């Protein structure tokens, strides 16, 4: 009897980029509530695999979060 291999992850459904779908071309680093959407509970930037962002928009999100951290609008870590 053949048993299925449960060690392999199931393929995830492809996610669509939020910014491409809503035709957003600029990300404001001062909009901290929006940027927190792309951070986890430990204030780390979430990967594009999880958020579904394309490479172009993930770079824009990352730069905006880093800028907001430099300006002390977002924290680097949460203790």
PDB file of N, CA and C in Angstrom:
ATOM      1  N   UNK A   1       0.840  -1.166   0.000  1.00  0.00           N
ATOM      2  CA  UNK A   1       0.000   0.000   0.000  1.00  0.00           C
ATOM      3  C   UNK A   1       0.897   1.246   0.000  1.00  0.00           C
ATOM      4  N   UNK A   2       0.640   2.168  -0.905  1.00  0.00           N
ATOM      5  CA  UNK A   2       1.423   3.392  -0.987  1.00  0.00           C
ATOM      6  C   UNK A   2       0.776   4.484  -0.144  1.00  0.00           C
ATOM      7  N   UNK A   3       1.605   5.049   0.720  1.00  0.00           N
ATOM      8  CA  UNK A   3       1.120   6.168   1.530  1.00  0.00           C
ATOM      9  C   UNK A   3       1.633   7.468   0.950  1.00  0.00           C
ATOM     10  N   UNK A   4       0.849   8.541   1.024  1.00  0.00           N
ATOM     11  CA  UNK A   4       1.323   9.823   0.496  1.00  0.00           C
ATOM     12  C   UNK A   4       2.452  10.367   1.360  1.00  0.00           C
ATOM     13  N   UNK A   5       3.363  11.085   0.735  1.00  0.00           N
ATOM     14  CA  UNK A   5       4.483  11.687   1.444  1.00  0.00           C
ATOM     15  C   UNK A   5       4.006  12.988   2.078  1.00  0.00           C
ATOM     16  N   UNK A   6       3.903  13.005   3.383  1.00  0.00           N
ATOM     17  CA  UNK A   6       3.404  14.182   4.087  1.00  0.00           C
ATOM     18  C   UNK A   6       4.502  15.176   4.418  1.00  0.00           C
ATOM     19  N   UNK A   7       5.747  14.895   4.043  1.00  0.00           N
ATOM     20  CA  UNK A   7       6.843  15.807   4.328  1.00  0.00           C
ATOM     21  C   UNK A   7       6.908  16.966   3.347  1.00  0.00           C
ATOM     22  N   UNK A   8       6.279  16.814   2.202  1.00  0.00           N
ATOM     23  CA  UNK A   8       6.330  17.865   1.200  1.00  0.00           C
ATOM     24  C   UNK A   8       5.200  18.857   1.436  1.00  0.00           C
ATOM     25  N   UNK A   9       5.520  20.156   1.389  1.00  0.00           N
ATOM     26  CA  UNK A   9       4.463  21.150   1.588  1.00  0.00           C
ATOM     27  C   UNK A   9       3.524  21.199   0.389  1.00  0.00           C
ATOM     28  N   UNK A  10       2.298  21.532   0.653  1.00  0.00           N
ATOM     29  CA  UNK A  10       1.344  21.667  -0.435  1.00  0.00           C
ATOM     30  C   UNK A  10       1.603  22.984  -1.155  1.00  0.00           C
ATOM     31  N   UNK A  11       1.471  23.034  -2.445  1.00  0.00           N
ATOM     32  CA  UNK A  11       1.743  24.282  -3.170  1.00  0.00           C
ATOM     33  C   UNK A  11       0.708  25.343  -2.804  1.00  0.00           C
ATOM     34  N   UNK A  12       1.205  26.521  -2.493  1.00  0.00           N
ATOM     35  CA  UNK A  12       0.330  27.626  -2.106  1.00  0.00           C
ATOM     36  C   UNK A  12      -0.255  28.282  -3.352  1.00  0.00           C
ATOM     37  N   UNK A  13      -1.404  28.843  -3.195  1.00  0.00           N
ATOM     38  CA  UNK A  13      -2.030  29.562  -4.295  1.00  0.00           C
ATOM     39  C   UNK A  13      -1.240  30.841  -4.555  1.00  0.00           C
ATOM     40  N   UNK A  14      -1.053  31.227  -5.799  1.00  0.00           N
ATOM     41  CA  UNK A  14      -0.297  32.451  -6.080  1.00  0.00           C
ATOM     42  C   UNK A  14      -1.041  33.668  -5.557  1.00  0.00           C
ATOM     43  N   UNK A  15      -0.293  34.551  -4.921  1.00  0.00           N
ATOM     44  CA  UNK A  15      -0.893  35.762  -4.370  1.00  0.00           C
ATOM     45  C   UNK A  15      -0.656  36.909  -5.337  1.00  0.00           C
ATOM     46  N   UNK A  16      -1.568  37.838  -5.344  1.00  0.00           N
ATOM     47  CA  UNK A  16      -1.439  39.000  -6.200  1.00  0.00           C
ATOM     48  C   UNK A  16      -0.860  40.151  -5.398  1.00  0.00           C
ATOM     49  N   UNK A  17      -0.066  40.955  -6.062  1.00  0.00           N
ATOM     50  CA  UNK A  17       0.537  42.111  -5.417  1.00  0.00           C
ATOM     51  C   UNK A  17      -0.555  43.128  -5.085  1.00  0.00           C
ATOM     52  N   UNK A  18      -0.599  43.557  -3.830  1.00  0.00           N
ATOM     53  CA  UNK A  18      -1.599  44.523  -3.378  1.00  0.00           C
ATOM     54  C   UNK A  18      -1.456  45.837  -4.134  1.00  0.00           C
ATOM     55  N   UNK A  19      -0.219  46.264  -4.376  1.00  0.00           N
ATOM     56  CA  UNK A  19       0.036  47.555  -5.013  1.00  0.00           C
ATOM     57  C   UNK A  19      -0.296  47.528  -6.497  1.00  0.00           C
ATOM     58  N   UNK A  20       0.007  46.414  -7.160  1.00  0.00           N
ATOM     59  CA  UNK A  20      -0.338  46.294  -8.581  1.00  0.00           C
ATOM     60  C   UNK A  20      -1.855  46.224  -8.771  1.00  0.00           C
ATOM     61  N   UNK A  21      -2.525  45.513  -7.872  1.00  0.00           N
ATOM     62  CA  UNK A  21      -3.979  45.360  -7.989  1.00  0.00           C
ATOM     63  C   UNK A  21      -4.713  46.676  -7.767  1.00  0.00           C
ATOM     64  N   UNK A  22      -4.182  47.514  -6.856  1.00  0.00           N
ATOM     65  CA  UNK A  22      -4.844  48.786  -6.540  1.00  0.00           C
ATOM     66  C   UNK A  22      -4.211  49.976  -7.233  1.00  0.00           C
ATOM     67  N   UNK A  23      -3.266  49.710  -8.144  1.00  0.00           N
ATOM     68  CA  UNK A  23      -2.616  50.750  -8.940  1.00  0.00           C
ATOM     69  C   UNK A  23      -1.977  51.826  -8.057  1.00  0.00           C
ATOM     70  N   UNK A  24      -1.208  51.398  -7.063  1.00  0.00           N
ATOM     71  CA  UNK A  24      -0.499  52.312  -6.165  1.00  0.00           C
ATOM     72  C   UNK A  24       0.941  52.404  -6.647  1.00  0.00           C
ATOM     73  N   UNK A  25       1.405  53.635  -6.905  1.00  0.00           N
ATOM     74  CA  UNK A  25       2.745  53.827  -7.444  1.00  0.00           C
ATOM     75  C   UNK A  25       3.730  54.379  -6.428  1.00  0.00           C
ATOM     76  N   UNK A  26       3.255  54.971  -5.344  1.00  0.00           N
ATOM     77  CA  UNK A  26       4.138  55.566  -4.352  1.00  0.00           C
ATOM     78  C   UNK A  26       3.720  55.097  -2.959  1.00  0.00           C
ATOM     79  N   UNK A  27       4.722  54.889  -2.106  1.00  0.00           N
ATOM     80  CA  UNK A  27       4.478  54.479  -0.727  1.00  0.00           C
ATOM     81  C   UNK A  27       5.046  55.554   0.179  1.00  0.00           C
ATOM     82  N   UNK A  28       4.224  56.078   1.059  1.00  0.00           N
ATOM     83  CA  UNK A  28       4.637  57.151   1.959  1.00  0.00           C
ATOM     84  C   UNK A  28       5.196  56.548   3.239  1.00  0.00           C
ATOM     85  N   UNK A  29       6.415  56.929   3.600  1.00  0.00           N
ATOM     86  CA  UNK A  29       7.036  56.383   4.809  1.00  0.00           C
ATOM     87  C   UNK A  29       6.396  56.923   6.077  1.00  0.00           C
ATOM     88  N   UNK A  30       5.606  57.990   5.968  1.00  0.00           N
ATOM     89  CA  UNK A  30       4.961  58.572   7.149  1.00  0.00           C
ATOM     90  C   UNK A  30       3.658  57.870   7.515  1.00  0.00           C
ATOM     91  N   UNK A  31       3.163  57.024   6.630  1.00  0.00           N
ATOM     92  CA  UNK A  31       1.927  56.286   6.885  1.00  0.00           C
ATOM     93  C   UNK A  31       2.265  54.995   7.630  1.00  0.00           C
ATOM     94  N   UNK A  32       2.471  55.114   8.933  1.00  0.00           N
ATOM     95  CA  UNK A  32       2.964  53.985   9.724  1.00  0.00           C
ATOM     96  C   UNK A  32       1.919  52.882   9.888  1.00  0.00           C
ATOM     97  N   UNK A  33       0.662  53.233   9.946  1.00  0.00           N
ATOM     98  CA  UNK A  33      -0.369  52.194  10.079  1.00  0.00           C
ATOM     99  C   UNK A  33      -0.397  51.294   8.852  1.00  0.00           C
ATOM    100  N   UNK A  34      -0.185  51.863   7.701  1.00  0.00           N
ATOM    101  CA  UNK A  34      -0.146  51.078   6.468  1.00  0.00           C
ATOM    102  C   UNK A  34       1.117  50.217   6.418  1.00  0.00           C
ATOM    103  N   UNK A  35       2.249  50.766   6.851  1.00  0.00           N
ATOM    104  CA  UNK A  35       3.508  50.028   6.802  1.00  0.00           C
ATOM    105  C   UNK A  35       3.533  48.882   7.804  1.00  0.00           C
ATOM    106  N   UNK A  36       2.828  49.013   8.914  1.00  0.00           N
ATOM    107  CA  UNK A  36       2.786  47.934   9.910  1.00  0.00           C
ATOM    108  C   UNK A  36       2.131  46.677   9.355  1.00  0.00           C
ATOM    109  N   UNK A  37       1.371  46.843   8.313  1.00  0.00           N
ATOM    110  CA  UNK A  37       0.726  45.716   7.655  1.00  0.00           C
ATOM    111  C   UNK A  37       1.753  44.757   7.043  1.00  0.00           C
ATOM    112  N   UNK A  38       2.941  45.301   6.727  1.00  0.00           N
ATOM    113  CA  UNK A  38       3.999  44.517   6.103  1.00  0.00           C
ATOM    114  C   UNK A  38       5.100  44.163   7.096  1.00  0.00           C
ATOM    115  N   UNK A  39       4.779  44.243   8.390  1.00  0.00           N
ATOM    116  CA  UNK A  39       5.719  43.869   9.447  1.00  0.00           C
ATOM    117  C   UNK A  39       5.042  42.833  10.333  1.00  0.00           C
ATOM    118  N   UNK A  40       5.850  41.938  10.915  1.00  0.00           N
ATOM    119  CA  UNK A  40       5.265  40.952  11.819  1.00  0.00           C
ATOM    120  C   UNK A  40       5.228  41.501  13.247  1.00  0.00           C
ATOM    121  N   UNK A  41       4.846  40.687  14.195  1.00  0.00           N
ATOM    122  CA  UNK A  41       4.677  41.153  15.573  1.00  0.00           C
ATOM    123  C   UNK A  41       5.996  41.505  16.242  1.00  0.00           C
ATOM    124  N   UNK A  42       7.120  41.064  15.665  1.00  0.00           N
ATOM    125  CA  UNK A  42       8.435  41.385  16.218  1.00  0.00           C
ATOM    126  C   UNK A  42       9.086  42.543  15.470  1.00  0.00           C
ATOM    127  N   UNK A  43       8.335  43.261  14.678  1.00  0.00           N
ATOM    128  CA  UNK A  43       8.770  44.430  13.905  1.00  0.00           C
ATOM    129  C   UNK A  43       9.749  44.065  12.795  1.00  0.00           C
ATOM    130  N   UNK A  44       9.686  42.843  12.308  1.00  0.00           N
ATOM    131  CA  UNK A  44      10.511  42.447  11.174  1.00  0.00           C
ATOM    132  C   UNK A  44       9.708  42.615   9.890  1.00  0.00           C
ATOM    133  N   UNK A  45      10.401  42.905   8.812  1.00  0.00           N
ATOM    134  CA  UNK A  45       9.754  43.054   7.517  1.00  0.00           C
ATOM    135  C   UNK A  45       9.364  41.668   7.005  1.00  0.00           C
ATOM    136  N   UNK A  46       8.115  41.523   6.619  1.00  0.00           N
ATOM    137  CA  UNK A  46       7.590  40.235   6.179  1.00  0.00           C
ATOM    138  C   UNK A  46       8.024  39.989   4.732  1.00  0.00           C
ATOM    139  N   UNK A  47       8.322  38.746   4.418  1.00  0.00           N
ATOM    140  CA  UNK A  47       8.822  38.387   3.093  1.00  0.00           C
ATOM    141  C   UNK A  47       7.729  38.538   2.027  1.00  0.00           C
ATOM    142  N   UNK A  48       8.148  38.760   0.791  1.00  0.00           N
ATOM    143  CA  UNK A  48       7.152  38.874  -0.287  1.00  0.00           C
ATOM    144  C   UNK A  48       6.417  37.572  -0.552  1.00  0.00           C
ATOM    145  N   UNK A  49       6.999  36.456  -0.162  1.00  0.00           N
ATOM    146  CA  UNK A  49       6.306  35.178  -0.330  1.00  0.00           C
ATOM    147  C   UNK A  49       5.039  35.151   0.514  1.00  0.00           C
ATOM    148  N   UNK A  50       5.109  35.782   1.668  1.00  0.00           N
ATOM    149  CA  UNK A  50       3.952  35.792   2.569  1.00  0.00           C
ATOM    150  C   UNK A  50       2.959  36.903   2.225  1.00  0.00           C
ATOM    151  N   UNK A  51       3.470  38.081   1.839  1.00  0.00           N
ATOM    152  CA  UNK A  51       2.585  39.201   1.539  1.00  0.00           C
ATOM    153  C   UNK A  51       2.040  39.162   0.115  1.00  0.00           C
ATOM    154  N   UNK A  52       2.792  38.528  -0.788  1.00  0.00           N
ATOM    155  CA  UNK A  52       2.360  38.467  -2.173  1.00  0.00           C
ATOM    156  C   UNK A  52       2.813  39.653  -3.000  1.00  0.00           C
ATOM    157  N   UNK A  53       3.678  40.488  -2.464  1.00  0.00           N
ATOM    158  CA  UNK A  53       4.164  41.647  -3.217  1.00  0.00           C
ATOM    159  C   UNK A  53       5.099  41.217  -4.325  1.00  0.00           C
ATOM    160  N   UNK A  54       5.083  41.975  -5.429  1.00  0.00           N
ATOM    161  CA  UNK A  54       6.060  41.738  -6.482  1.00  0.00           C
ATOM    162  C   UNK A  54       7.388  42.347  -6.030  1.00  0.00           C
ATOM    163  N   UNK A  55       8.465  42.062  -6.744  1.00  0.00           N
ATOM    164  CA  UNK A  55       9.801  42.491  -6.338  1.00  0.00           C
ATOM    165  C   UNK A  55       9.913  44.014  -6.290  1.00  0.00           C
ATOM    166  N   UNK A  56       9.341  44.676  -7.259  1.00  0.00           N
ATOM    167  CA  UNK A  56       9.420  46.137  -7.324  1.00  0.00           C
ATOM    168  C   UNK A  56       8.759  46.773  -6.108  1.00  0.00           C
ATOM    169  N   UNK A  57       7.571  46.330  -5.774  1.00  0.00           N
ATOM    170  CA  UNK A  57       6.850  46.922  -4.658  1.00  0.00           C
ATOM    171  C   UNK A  57       7.403  46.472  -3.313  1.00  0.00           C
ATOM    172  N   UNK A  58       7.977  45.275  -3.248  1.00  0.00           N
ATOM    173  CA  UNK A  58       8.605  44.844  -1.998  1.00  0.00           C
ATOM    174  C   UNK A  58       9.813  45.728  -1.689  1.00  0.00           C
ATOM    175  N   UNK A  59      10.577  46.109  -2.702  1.00  0.00           N
ATOM    176  CA  UNK A  59      11.700  47.031  -2.489  1.00  0.00           C
ATOM    177  C   UNK A  59      11.201  48.375  -2.002  1.00  0.00           C
ATOM    178  N   UNK A  60      10.086  48.851  -2.565  1.00  0.00           N
ATOM    179  CA  UNK A  60       9.530  50.141  -2.137  1.00  0.00           C
ATOM    180  C   UNK A  60       9.057  50.072  -0.687  1.00  0.00           C
ATOM    181  N   UNK A  61       8.410  48.976  -0.307  1.00  0.00           N
ATOM    182  CA  UNK A  61       7.944  48.787   1.066  1.00  0.00           C
ATOM    183  C   UNK A  61       9.129  48.734   2.017  1.00  0.00           C
ATOM    184  N   UNK A  62      10.160  47.985   1.646  1.00  0.00           N
ATOM    185  CA  UNK A  62      11.343  47.854   2.497  1.00  0.00           C
ATOM    186  C   UNK A  62      12.018  49.198   2.706  1.00  0.00           C
ATOM    187  N   UNK A  63      12.182  49.964   1.643  1.00  0.00           N
ATOM    188  CA  UNK A  63      12.809  51.284   1.773  1.00  0.00           C
ATOM    189  C   UNK A  63      11.964  52.223   2.621  1.00  0.00           C
ATOM    190  N   UNK A  64      10.651  52.162   2.468  1.00  0.00           N
ATOM    191  CA  UNK A  64       9.766  53.025   3.258  1.00  0.00           C
ATOM    192  C   UNK A  64       9.833  52.654   4.740  1.00  0.00           C
ATOM    193  N   UNK A  65       9.875  51.363   5.056  1.00  0.00           N
ATOM    194  CA  UNK A  65       9.968  50.932   6.455  1.00  0.00           C
ATOM    195  C   UNK A  65      11.306  51.354   7.043  1.00  0.00           C
ATOM    196  N   UNK A  66      12.381  51.183   6.291  1.00  0.00           N
ATOM    197  CA  UNK A  66      13.700  51.578   6.788  1.00  0.00           C
ATOM    198  C   UNK A  66      13.785  53.084   6.999  1.00  0.00           C
ATOM    199  N   UNK A  67      13.170  53.852   6.111  1.00  0.00           N
ATOM    200  CA  UNK A  67      13.143  55.308   6.265  1.00  0.00           C
ATOM    201  C   UNK A  67      12.351  55.709   7.503  1.00  0.00           C
ATOM    202  N   UNK A  68      11.222  55.045   7.710  1.00  0.00           N
ATOM    203  CA  UNK A  68      10.389  55.353   8.879  1.00  0.00           C
ATOM    204  C   UNK A  68      11.109  54.973  10.167  1.00  0.00           C
ATOM    205  N   UNK A  69      11.885  53.905  10.148  1.00  0.00           N
ATOM    206  CA  UNK A  69      12.670  53.538  11.330  1.00  0.00           C
ATOM    207  C   UNK A  69      13.742  54.577  11.614  1.00  0.00           C
ATOM    208  N   UNK A  70      14.393  55.069  10.572  1.00  0.00           N
ATOM    209  CA  UNK A  70      15.425  56.089  10.748  1.00  0.00           C
ATOM    210  C   UNK A  70      14.838  57.371  11.320  1.00  0.00           C
ATOM    211  N   UNK A  71      13.637  57.714  10.895  1.00  0.00           N
ATOM    212  CA  UNK A  71      12.977  58.930  11.381  1.00  0.00           C
ATOM    213  C   UNK A  71      12.261  58.705  12.713  1.00  0.00           C
ATOM    214  N   UNK A  72      12.408  57.514  13.290  1.00  0.00           N
ATOM    215  CA  UNK A  72      11.822  57.139  14.582  1.00  0.00           C
ATOM    216  C   UNK A  72      10.295  57.117  14.553  1.00  0.00           C
ATOM    217  N   UNK A  73       9.730  56.819  13.400  1.00  0.00           N
ATOM    218  CA  UNK A  73       8.286  56.655  13.304  1.00  0.00           C
ATOM    219  C   UNK A  73       7.896  55.203  13.581  1.00  0.00           C
ATOM    220  N   UNK A  74       8.799  54.279  13.277  1.00  0.00           N
ATOM    221  CA  UNK A  74       8.610  52.855  13.575  1.00  0.00           C
ATOM    222  C   UNK A  74       9.793  52.384  14.405  1.00  0.00           C
ATOM    223  N   UNK A  75       9.551  51.365  15.193  1.00  0.00           N
ATOM    224  CA  UNK A  75      10.639  50.843  16.019  1.00  0.00           C
ATOM    225  C   UNK A  75      11.394  49.753  15.257  1.00  0.00           C
ATOM    226  N   UNK A  76      12.655  49.589  15.643  1.00  0.00           N
ATOM    227  CA  UNK A  76      13.460  48.527  15.057  1.00  0.00           C
ATOM    228  C   UNK A  76      13.071  47.178  15.632  1.00  0.00           C
ATOM    229  N   UNK A  77      12.804  47.145  16.918  1.00  0.00           N
ATOM    230  CA  UNK A  77      12.395  45.914  17.582  1.00  0.00           C
ATOM    231  C   UNK A  77      11.278  46.222  18.558  1.00  0.00           C
ATOM    232  N   UNK A  78      10.557  45.197  18.939  1.00  0.00           N
ATOM    233  CA  UNK A  78       9.513  45.337  19.952  1.00  0.00           C
ATOM    234  C   UNK A  78       9.888  44.426  21.097  1.00  0.00           C
ATOM    235  N   UNK A  79       9.993  45.001  22.273  1.00  0.00           N
ATOM    236  CA  UNK A  79      10.402  44.228  23.445  1.00  0.00           C
ATOM    237  C   UNK A  79       9.234  43.910  24.315  1.00  0.00           C
TER     238      UNK A  79
END
